[in-house]
Structure formats: C-alpha cells, structure tokens
Amino acid sequence: MEVKLENGKTVKIKDLSIDERDELLDACKFTTDKKGNVGGMEAPHSTMTKFIRIGIDGDSSDDFIKTLTFADRTAIFTAMQTEMLGGEGKPSK
C-alpha cells in the first residue's frame, strides 16, 4: 500500500508481521468520558511517529519525519490503522 503526501510524493507501507501490528495497535490509547465514549487519543504525536518508524518501507529517520506535515503524518497513521483493522475482506465459514 502507498500513501500520497501533500507534496505529491508517496510512501510505501510495509507488509507488517502480526507482532508488529500488535505492537502498533497496543500503542493506541484512547481517552473516554464517563459513559465510555471515545474522546480522543493519548500521546498522538509519539504514537504516529512509532507507526511511521515501524511501518514505512524506506527512510523513517528524524530528518525524513521532520519533512512531513501533520496532515501527512495523520494520513500515514490512518491508512495503516485502516489496513490493520480491515479484517479478511470476506467472512470465513
């Protein structure tokens, strides 16, 4: 999978192992209100950085990450979550 950045370039997302997926998904901690409704994510910046470092197929150095806009970081993070939580695509019997 590839994610198009605001500058027109693309980054390729790795085919992650189950262990890598679990590590990334475990890093997502959400805040909830008294009724249990999700209000937001704790530490979104460090969580997105972790997703980029582990999930990008290519340069994930500080220098590269510093070139990304917040919109780019969010797009990469969202695409990776969508891919990881998308399921099999068809139900099993």
PDB file of N, CA and C in Angstrom:
ATOM      1  N   MET A   1       0.840  -1.172   0.000  1.00  0.00           N
ATOM      2  CA  MET A   1       0.000   0.000   0.000  1.00  0.00           C
ATOM      3  C   MET A   1       0.886   1.236   0.000  1.00  0.00           C
ATOM      4  N   GLU A   2       0.415   2.274  -0.655  1.00  0.00           N
ATOM      5  CA  GLU A   2       1.118   3.547  -0.684  1.00  0.00           C
ATOM      6  C   GLU A   2       0.202   4.666  -0.197  1.00  0.00           C
ATOM      7  N   VAL A   3       0.812   5.671   0.406  1.00  0.00           N
ATOM      8  CA  VAL A   3       0.084   6.847   0.872  1.00  0.00           C
ATOM      9  C   VAL A   3       0.667   8.058   0.161  1.00  0.00           C
ATOM     10  N   LYS A   4      -0.205   8.843  -0.473  1.00  0.00           N
ATOM     11  CA  LYS A   4       0.245  10.054  -1.176  1.00  0.00           C
ATOM     12  C   LYS A   4       0.346  11.201  -0.175  1.00  0.00           C
ATOM     13  N   LEU A   5       1.482  11.878  -0.204  1.00  0.00           N
ATOM     14  CA  LEU A   5       1.731  13.002   0.694  1.00  0.00           C
ATOM     15  C   LEU A   5       1.284  14.304   0.051  1.00  0.00           C
ATOM     16  N   GLU A   6       1.200  15.358   0.857  1.00  0.00           N
ATOM     17  CA  GLU A   6       0.761  16.662   0.355  1.00  0.00           C
ATOM     18  C   GLU A   6       1.650  17.185  -0.766  1.00  0.00           C
ATOM     19  N   ASN A   7       2.945  16.832  -0.737  1.00  0.00           N
ATOM     20  CA  ASN A   7       3.871  17.324  -1.760  1.00  0.00           C
ATOM     21  C   ASN A   7       3.826  16.492  -3.040  1.00  0.00           C
ATOM     22  N   GLY A   8       2.925  15.513  -3.100  1.00  0.00           N
ATOM     23  CA  GLY A   8       2.775  14.674  -4.279  1.00  0.00           C
ATOM     24  C   GLY A   8       3.583  13.391  -4.241  1.00  0.00           C
ATOM     25  N   LYS A   9       4.554  13.320  -3.352  1.00  0.00           N
ATOM     26  CA  LYS A   9       5.344  12.099  -3.219  1.00  0.00           C
ATOM     27  C   LYS A   9       4.508  11.027  -2.507  1.00  0.00           C
ATOM     28  N   THR A  10       4.969   9.788  -2.595  1.00  0.00           N
ATOM     29  CA  THR A  10       4.281   8.704  -1.904  1.00  0.00           C
ATOM     30  C   THR A  10       5.245   7.974  -0.991  1.00  0.00           C
ATOM     31  N   VAL A  11       4.697   7.383   0.053  1.00  0.00           N
ATOM     32  CA  VAL A  11       5.468   6.499   0.922  1.00  0.00           C
ATOM     33  C   VAL A  11       4.813   5.128   0.874  1.00  0.00           C
ATOM     34  N   LYS A  12       5.647   4.117   0.895  1.00  0.00           N
ATOM     35  CA  LYS A  12       5.153   2.747   0.855  1.00  0.00           C
ATOM     36  C   LYS A  12       5.068   2.198   2.277  1.00  0.00           C
ATOM     37  N   ILE A  13       3.951   1.539   2.560  1.00  0.00           N
ATOM     38  CA  ILE A  13       3.746   0.916   3.858  1.00  0.00           C
ATOM     39  C   ILE A  13       4.198  -0.540   3.766  1.00  0.00           C
ATOM     40  N   LYS A  14       4.945  -0.985   4.773  1.00  0.00           N
ATOM     41  CA  LYS A  14       5.428  -2.365   4.823  1.00  0.00           C
ATOM     42  C   LYS A  14       4.274  -3.338   5.026  1.00  0.00           C
ATOM     43  N   ASP A  15       4.506  -4.570   4.635  1.00  0.00           N
ATOM     44  CA  ASP A  15       3.610  -5.665   4.994  1.00  0.00           C
ATOM     45  C   ASP A  15       4.058  -6.113   6.385  1.00  0.00           C
ATOM     46  N   LEU A  16       3.346  -5.681   7.404  1.00  0.00           N
ATOM     47  CA  LEU A  16       3.764  -5.888   8.787  1.00  0.00           C
ATOM     48  C   LEU A  16       3.442  -7.294   9.287  1.00  0.00           C
ATOM     49  N   SER A  17       4.296  -7.784  10.164  1.00  0.00           N
ATOM     50  CA  SER A  17       4.041  -9.066  10.820  1.00  0.00           C
ATOM     51  C   SER A  17       2.944  -8.877  11.871  1.00  0.00           C
ATOM     52  N   ILE A  18       2.405  -9.968  12.336  1.00  0.00           N
ATOM     53  CA  ILE A  18       1.385  -9.913  13.394  1.00  0.00           C
ATOM     54  C   ILE A  18       1.965  -9.240  14.639  1.00  0.00           C
ATOM     55  N   ASP A  19       3.207  -9.559  14.990  1.00  0.00           N
ATOM     56  CA  ASP A  19       3.833  -8.951  16.165  1.00  0.00           C
ATOM     57  C   ASP A  19       3.980  -7.438  16.009  1.00  0.00           C
ATOM     58  N   GLU A  20       4.377  -6.984  14.818  1.00  0.00           N
ATOM     59  CA  GLU A  20       4.496  -5.544  14.572  1.00  0.00           C
ATOM     60  C   GLU A  20       3.131  -4.872  14.637  1.00  0.00           C
ATOM     61  N   ARG A  21       2.125  -5.511  14.062  1.00  0.00           N
ATOM     62  CA  ARG A  21       0.770  -4.958  14.121  1.00  0.00           C
ATOM     63  C   ARG A  21       0.304  -4.828  15.562  1.00  0.00           C
ATOM     64  N   ASP A  22       0.500  -5.889  16.339  1.00  0.00           N
ATOM     65  CA  ASP A  22       0.083  -5.864  17.740  1.00  0.00           C
ATOM     66  C   ASP A  22       0.802  -4.770  18.519  1.00  0.00           C
ATOM     67  N   GLU A  23       2.105  -4.620  18.270  1.00  0.00           N
ATOM     68  CA  GLU A  23       2.878  -3.581  18.958  1.00  0.00           C
ATOM     69  C   GLU A  23       2.317  -2.194  18.648  1.00  0.00           C
ATOM     70  N   LEU A  24       1.997  -1.961  17.388  1.00  0.00           N
ATOM     71  CA  LEU A  24       1.465  -0.657  16.999  1.00  0.00           C
ATOM     72  C   LEU A  24       0.063  -0.436  17.546  1.00  0.00           C
ATOM     73  N   LEU A  25      -0.789  -1.426  17.425  1.00  0.00           N
ATOM     74  CA  LEU A  25      -2.158  -1.261  17.910  1.00  0.00           C
ATOM     75  C   LEU A  25      -2.200  -1.117  19.434  1.00  0.00           C
ATOM     76  N   ASP A  26      -1.284  -1.786  20.134  1.00  0.00           N
ATOM     77  CA  ASP A  26      -1.208  -1.642  21.597  1.00  0.00           C
ATOM     78  C   ASP A  26      -0.758  -0.244  22.002  1.00  0.00           C
ATOM     79  N   ALA A  27      -0.070   0.462  21.105  1.00  0.00           N
ATOM     80  CA  ALA A  27       0.402   1.813  21.394  1.00  0.00           C
ATOM     81  C   ALA A  27      -0.736   2.838  21.346  1.00  0.00           C
ATOM     82  N   CYS A  28      -1.864   2.471  20.758  1.00  0.00           N
ATOM     83  CA  CYS A  28      -3.008   3.382  20.635  1.00  0.00           C
ATOM     84  C   CYS A  28      -3.832   3.339  21.914  1.00  0.00           C
ATOM     85  N   LYS A  29      -3.744   4.409  22.677  1.00  0.00           N
ATOM     86  CA  LYS A  29      -4.500   4.505  23.924  1.00  0.00           C
ATOM     87  C   LYS A  29      -5.478   5.672  23.789  1.00  0.00           C
ATOM     88  N   PHE A  30      -6.730   5.372  24.059  1.00  0.00           N
ATOM     89  CA  PHE A  30      -7.783   6.360  23.848  1.00  0.00           C
ATOM     90  C   PHE A  30      -8.343   6.861  25.170  1.00  0.00           C
ATOM     91  N   THR A  31      -8.776   8.113  25.182  1.00  0.00           N
ATOM     92  CA  THR A  31      -9.443   8.681  26.340  1.00  0.00           C
ATOM     93  C   THR A  31     -10.947   8.472  26.174  1.00  0.00           C
ATOM     94  N   THR A  32     -11.635   8.288  27.276  1.00  0.00           N
ATOM     95  CA  THR A  32     -13.086   8.108  27.247  1.00  0.00           C
ATOM     96  C   THR A  32     -13.738   8.995  28.301  1.00  0.00           C
ATOM     97  N   ASP A  33     -14.996   9.310  28.058  1.00  0.00           N
ATOM     98  CA  ASP A  33     -15.752  10.065  29.051  1.00  0.00           C
ATOM     99  C   ASP A  33     -16.394   9.093  30.047  1.00  0.00           C
ATOM    100  N   LYS A  34     -17.190   9.609  30.959  1.00  0.00           N
ATOM    101  CA  LYS A  34     -17.803   8.773  31.999  1.00  0.00           C
ATOM    102  C   LYS A  34     -18.747   7.713  31.435  1.00  0.00           C
ATOM    103  N   LYS A  35     -19.269   7.945  30.232  1.00  0.00           N
ATOM    104  CA  LYS A  35     -20.179   6.982  29.609  1.00  0.00           C
ATOM    105  C   LYS A  35     -19.427   5.960  28.751  1.00  0.00           C
ATOM    106  N   GLY A  36     -18.094   6.111  28.644  1.00  0.00           N
ATOM    107  CA  GLY A  36     -17.306   5.188  27.847  1.00  0.00           C
ATOM    108  C   GLY A  36     -17.133   5.586  26.396  1.00  0.00           C
ATOM    109  N   ASN A  37     -17.608   6.773  26.037  1.00  0.00           N
ATOM    110  CA  ASN A  37     -17.447   7.250  24.658  1.00  0.00           C
ATOM    111  C   ASN A  37     -16.011   7.704  24.423  1.00  0.00           C
ATOM    112  N   VAL A  38     -15.450   7.323  23.286  1.00  0.00           N
ATOM    113  CA  VAL A  38     -14.082   7.710  22.953  1.00  0.00           C
ATOM    114  C   VAL A  38     -14.026   9.205  22.679  1.00  0.00           C
ATOM    115  N   GLY A  39     -13.084   9.874  23.347  1.00  0.00           N
ATOM    116  CA  GLY A  39     -12.959  11.307  23.191  1.00  0.00           C
ATOM    117  C   GLY A  39     -11.745  11.717  22.385  1.00  0.00           C
ATOM    118  N   GLY A  40     -10.728  10.902  22.387  1.00  0.00           N
ATOM    119  CA  GLY A  40      -9.507  11.228  21.662  1.00  0.00           C
ATOM    120  C   GLY A  40      -8.439  10.193  21.951  1.00  0.00           C
ATOM    121  N   MET A  41      -7.242  10.465  21.466  1.00  0.00           N
ATOM    122  CA  MET A  41      -6.135   9.542  21.651  1.00  0.00           C
ATOM    123  C   MET A  41      -5.079  10.202  22.526  1.00  0.00           C
ATOM    124  N   GLU A  42      -4.536   9.439  23.460  1.00  0.00           N
ATOM    125  CA  GLU A  42      -3.438   9.924  24.280  1.00  0.00           C
ATOM    126  C   GLU A  42      -2.155   9.903  23.458  1.00  0.00           C
ATOM    127  N   ALA A  43      -1.302  10.870  23.651  1.00  0.00           N
ATOM    128  CA  ALA A  43       0.014  10.952  23.007  1.00  0.00           C
ATOM    129  C   ALA A  43      -0.031  10.693  21.501  1.00  0.00           C
ATOM    130  N   PRO A  44      -0.853  11.458  20.766  1.00  0.00           N
ATOM    131  CA  PRO A  44      -0.979  11.176  19.333  1.00  0.00           C
ATOM    132  C   PRO A  44       0.316  11.361  18.548  1.00  0.00           C
ATOM    133  N   HIS A  45       1.143  12.310  18.930  1.00  0.00           N
ATOM    134  CA  HIS A  45       2.364  12.553  18.159  1.00  0.00           C
ATOM    135  C   HIS A  45       3.348  11.397  18.275  1.00  0.00           C
ATOM    136  N   SER A  46       3.585  10.927  19.496  1.00  0.00           N
ATOM    137  CA  SER A  46       4.530   9.818  19.650  1.00  0.00           C
ATOM    138  C   SER A  46       3.962   8.534  19.060  1.00  0.00           C
ATOM    139  N   THR A  47       2.650   8.366  19.111  1.00  0.00           N
ATOM    140  CA  THR A  47       2.028   7.184  18.527  1.00  0.00           C
ATOM    141  C   THR A  47       2.178   7.194  17.013  1.00  0.00           C
ATOM    142  N   MET A  48       1.928   8.336  16.382  1.00  0.00           N
ATOM    143  CA  MET A  48       2.081   8.426  14.923  1.00  0.00           C
ATOM    144  C   MET A  48       3.532   8.224  14.513  1.00  0.00           C
ATOM    145  N   THR A  49       4.477   8.767  15.297  1.00  0.00           N
ATOM    146  CA  THR A  49       5.886   8.568  14.993  1.00  0.00           C
ATOM    147  C   THR A  49       6.246   7.087  15.050  1.00  0.00           C
ATOM    148  N   LYS A  50       5.737   6.384  16.044  1.00  0.00           N
ATOM    149  CA  LYS A  50       6.005   4.946  16.163  1.00  0.00           C
ATOM    150  C   LYS A  50       5.463   4.195  14.952  1.00  0.00           C
ATOM    151  N   PHE A  51       4.257   4.529  14.521  1.00  0.00           N
ATOM    152  CA  PHE A  51       3.669   3.904  13.336  1.00  0.00           C
ATOM    153  C   PHE A  51       4.561   4.146  12.111  1.00  0.00           C
ATOM    154  N   ILE A  52       5.049   5.376  11.946  1.00  0.00           N
ATOM    155  CA  ILE A  52       5.880   5.713  10.795  1.00  0.00           C
ATOM    156  C   ILE A  52       7.213   4.971  10.858  1.00  0.00           C
ATOM    157  N   ARG A  53       7.844   4.962  12.022  1.00  0.00           N
ATOM    158  CA  ARG A  53       9.150   4.301  12.159  1.00  0.00           C
ATOM    159  C   ARG A  53       9.067   2.810  11.851  1.00  0.00           C
ATOM    160  N   ILE A  54       8.031   2.154  12.338  1.00  0.00           N
ATOM    161  CA  ILE A  54       7.898   0.707  12.142  1.00  0.00           C
ATOM    162  C   ILE A  54       7.277   0.381  10.795  1.00  0.00           C
ATOM    163  N   GLY A  55       6.364   1.213  10.330  1.00  0.00           N
ATOM    164  CA  GLY A  55       5.549   0.854   9.175  1.00  0.00           C
ATOM    165  C   GLY A  55       5.975   1.318   7.809  1.00  0.00           C
ATOM    166  N   ILE A  56       6.894   2.279   7.732  1.00  0.00           N
ATOM    167  CA  ILE A  56       7.312   2.803   6.429  1.00  0.00           C
ATOM    168  C   ILE A  56       8.371   1.893   5.817  1.00  0.00           C
ATOM    169  N   ASP A  57       8.203   1.583   4.565  1.00  0.00           N
ATOM    170  CA  ASP A  57       9.208   0.812   3.822  1.00  0.00           C
ATOM    171  C   ASP A  57      10.145   1.824   3.176  1.00  0.00           C
ATOM    172  N   GLY A  58      11.211   2.164   3.874  1.00  0.00           N
ATOM    173  CA  GLY A  58      12.148   3.182   3.401  1.00  0.00           C
ATOM    174  C   GLY A  58      12.615   4.035   4.559  1.00  0.00           C
ATOM    175  N   ASP A  59      12.979   5.257   4.248  1.00  0.00           N
ATOM    176  CA  ASP A  59      13.535   6.181   5.232  1.00  0.00           C
ATOM    177  C   ASP A  59      12.494   6.558   6.285  1.00  0.00           C
ATOM    178  N   SER A  60      12.823   6.296   7.544  1.00  0.00           N
ATOM    179  CA  SER A  60      11.954   6.740   8.635  1.00  0.00           C
ATOM    180  C   SER A  60      12.790   7.475   9.686  1.00  0.00           C
ATOM    181  N   SER A  61      13.853   8.123   9.208  1.00  0.00           N
ATOM    182  CA  SER A  61      14.752   8.868  10.088  1.00  0.00           C
ATOM    183  C   SER A  61      14.085  10.136  10.609  1.00  0.00           C
ATOM    184  N   ASP A  62      14.719  10.731  11.618  1.00  0.00           N
ATOM    185  CA  ASP A  62      14.249  12.013  12.129  1.00  0.00           C
ATOM    186  C   ASP A  62      14.171  13.042  11.003  1.00  0.00           C
ATOM    187  N   ASP A  63      15.214  13.074  10.172  1.00  0.00           N
ATOM    188  CA  ASP A  63      15.238  14.061   9.089  1.00  0.00           C
ATOM    189  C   ASP A  63      14.033  13.904   8.171  1.00  0.00           C
ATOM    190  N   PHE A  64      13.688  12.654   7.827  1.00  0.00           N
ATOM    191  CA  PHE A  64      12.525  12.425   6.968  1.00  0.00           C
ATOM    192  C   PHE A  64      11.234  12.813   7.686  1.00  0.00           C
ATOM    193  N   ILE A  65      11.069  12.374   8.906  1.00  0.00           N
ATOM    194  CA  ILE A  65       9.831  12.647   9.640  1.00  0.00           C
ATOM    195  C   ILE A  65       9.625  14.147   9.822  1.00  0.00           C
ATOM    196  N   LYS A  66      10.701  14.889   9.997  1.00  0.00           N
ATOM    197  CA  LYS A  66      10.598  16.350  10.138  1.00  0.00           C
ATOM    198  C   LYS A  66      10.074  17.017   8.872  1.00  0.00           C
ATOM    199  N   THR A  67      10.192  16.362   7.717  1.00  0.00           N
ATOM    200  CA  THR A  67       9.681  16.941   6.471  1.00  0.00           C
ATOM    201  C   THR A  67       8.180  16.743   6.313  1.00  0.00           C
ATOM    202  N   LEU A  68       7.598  15.858   7.114  1.00  0.00           N
ATOM    203  CA  LEU A  68       6.174  15.545   6.990  1.00  0.00           C
ATOM    204  C   LEU A  68       5.315  16.591   7.686  1.00  0.00           C
ATOM    205  N   THR A  69       4.257  16.981   7.039  1.00  0.00           N
ATOM    206  CA  THR A  69       3.287  17.869   7.682  1.00  0.00           C
ATOM    207  C   THR A  69       2.437  17.032   8.651  1.00  0.00           C
ATOM    208  N   PHE A  70       1.708  17.710   9.500  1.00  0.00           N
ATOM    209  CA  PHE A  70       0.816  16.983  10.408  1.00  0.00           C
ATOM    210  C   PHE A  70      -0.222  16.207   9.596  1.00  0.00           C
ATOM    211  N   ALA A  71      -0.676  16.785   8.492  1.00  0.00           N
ATOM    212  CA  ALA A  71      -1.638  16.093   7.626  1.00  0.00           C
ATOM    213  C   ALA A  71      -1.028  14.821   7.033  1.00  0.00           C
ATOM    214  N   ASP A  72       0.254  14.887   6.634  1.00  0.00           N
ATOM    215  CA  ASP A  72       0.934  13.702   6.111  1.00  0.00           C
ATOM    216  C   ASP A  72       1.040  12.618   7.177  1.00  0.00           C
ATOM    217  N   ARG A  73       1.459  13.008   8.367  1.00  0.00           N
ATOM    218  CA  ARG A  73       1.610  12.044   9.462  1.00  0.00           C
ATOM    219  C   ARG A  73       0.263  11.391   9.781  1.00  0.00           C
ATOM    220  N   THR A  74      -0.780  12.197   9.791  1.00  0.00           N
ATOM    221  CA  THR A  74      -2.120  11.677  10.067  1.00  0.00           C
ATOM    222  C   THR A  74      -2.575  10.743   8.957  1.00  0.00           C
ATOM    223  N   ALA A  75      -2.295  11.082   7.703  1.00  0.00           N
ATOM    224  CA  ALA A  75      -2.692  10.239   6.571  1.00  0.00           C
ATOM    225  C   ALA A  75      -2.004   8.874   6.633  1.00  0.00           C
ATOM    226  N   ILE A  76      -0.714   8.870   6.955  1.00  0.00           N
ATOM    227  CA  ILE A  76       0.024   7.613   7.073  1.00  0.00           C
ATOM    228  C   ILE A  76      -0.550   6.772   8.211  1.00  0.00           C
ATOM    229  N   PHE A  77      -0.737   7.411   9.355  1.00  0.00           N
ATOM    230  CA  PHE A  77      -1.276   6.732  10.539  1.00  0.00           C
ATOM    231  C   PHE A  77      -2.661   6.148  10.254  1.00  0.00           C
ATOM    232  N   THR A  78      -3.526   6.934   9.650  1.00  0.00           N
ATOM    233  CA  THR A  78      -4.895   6.497   9.361  1.00  0.00           C
ATOM    234  C   THR A  78      -4.912   5.353   8.356  1.00  0.00           C
ATOM    235  N   ALA A  79      -4.094   5.458   7.312  1.00  0.00           N
ATOM    236  CA  ALA A  79      -4.031   4.390   6.310  1.00  0.00           C
ATOM    237  C   ALA A  79      -3.544   3.088   6.935  1.00  0.00           C
ATOM    238  N   MET A  80      -2.555   3.180   7.799  1.00  0.00           N
ATOM    239  CA  MET A  80      -2.032   1.979   8.450  1.00  0.00           C
ATOM    240  C   MET A  80      -3.073   1.351   9.366  1.00  0.00           C
ATOM    241  N   GLN A  81      -3.777   2.172  10.136  1.00  0.00           N
ATOM    242  CA  GLN A  81      -4.823   1.635  11.013  1.00  0.00           C
ATOM    243  C   GLN A  81      -5.931   0.978  10.203  1.00  0.00           C
ATOM    244  N   THR A  82      -6.341   1.625   9.129  1.00  0.00           N
ATOM    245  CA  THR A  82      -7.385   1.077   8.272  1.00  0.00           C
ATOM    246  C   THR A  82      -6.973  -0.285   7.737  1.00  0.00           C
ATOM    247  N   GLU A  83      -5.726  -0.385   7.295  1.00  0.00           N
ATOM    248  CA  GLU A  83      -5.200  -1.641   6.762  1.00  0.00           C
ATOM    249  C   GLU A  83      -5.157  -2.729   7.844  1.00  0.00           C
ATOM    250  N   MET A  84      -4.702  -2.353   9.029  1.00  0.00           N
ATOM    251  CA  MET A  84      -4.563  -3.338  10.107  1.00  0.00           C
ATOM    252  C   MET A  84      -5.892  -3.808  10.659  1.00  0.00           C
ATOM    253  N   LEU A  85      -6.884  -2.935  10.653  1.00  0.00           N
ATOM    254  CA  LEU A  85      -8.170  -3.273  11.261  1.00  0.00           C
ATOM    255  C   LEU A  85      -9.223  -3.673  10.239  1.00  0.00           C
ATOM    256  N   GLY A  86      -8.813  -3.775   8.978  1.00  0.00           N
ATOM    257  CA  GLY A  86      -9.745  -4.059   7.898  1.00  0.00           C
ATOM    258  C   GLY A  86     -10.272  -5.477   7.849  1.00  0.00           C
ATOM    259  N   GLY A  87      -9.641  -6.394   8.536  1.00  0.00           N
ATOM    260  CA  GLY A  87     -10.117  -7.783   8.522  1.00  0.00           C
ATOM    261  C   GLY A  87      -9.720  -8.522   7.275  1.00  0.00           C
ATOM    262  N   GLU A  88     -10.350  -9.642   7.051  1.00  0.00           N
ATOM    263  CA  GLU A  88     -10.016 -10.536   5.950  1.00  0.00           C
ATOM    264  C   GLU A  88     -10.541 -10.061   4.607  1.00  0.00           C
ATOM    265  N   GLY A  89     -11.540  -9.228   4.602  1.00  0.00           N
ATOM    266  CA  GLY A  89     -12.144  -8.784   3.364  1.00  0.00           C
ATOM    267  C   GLY A  89     -13.364  -9.620   2.984  1.00  0.00           C
ATOM    268  N   LYS A  90     -13.393 -10.871   3.431  1.00  0.00           N
ATOM    269  CA  LYS A  90     -14.567 -11.705   3.217  1.00  0.00           C
ATOM    270  C   LYS A  90     -14.722 -12.594   4.457  1.00  0.00           C
ATOM    271  N   PRO A  91     -15.952 -12.842   4.855  1.00  0.00           N
ATOM    272  CA  PRO A  91     -16.153 -13.627   6.067  1.00  0.00           C
ATOM    273  C   PRO A  91     -15.724 -15.077   5.874  1.00  0.00           C
ATOM    274  N   SER A  92     -15.215 -15.653   6.950  1.00  0.00           N
ATOM    275  CA  SER A  92     -14.849 -17.073   6.896  1.00  0.00           C
ATOM    276  C   SER A  92     -16.075 -17.918   7.192  1.00  0.00           C
ATOM    277  N   LYS A  93     -16.021 -19.173   6.827  1.00  0.00           N
ATOM    278  CA  LYS A  93     -17.158 -20.071   7.049  1.00  0.00           C
ATOM    279  C   LYS A  93     -17.076 -20.719   8.415  1.00  0.00           C
TER     280      LYS A  93
END
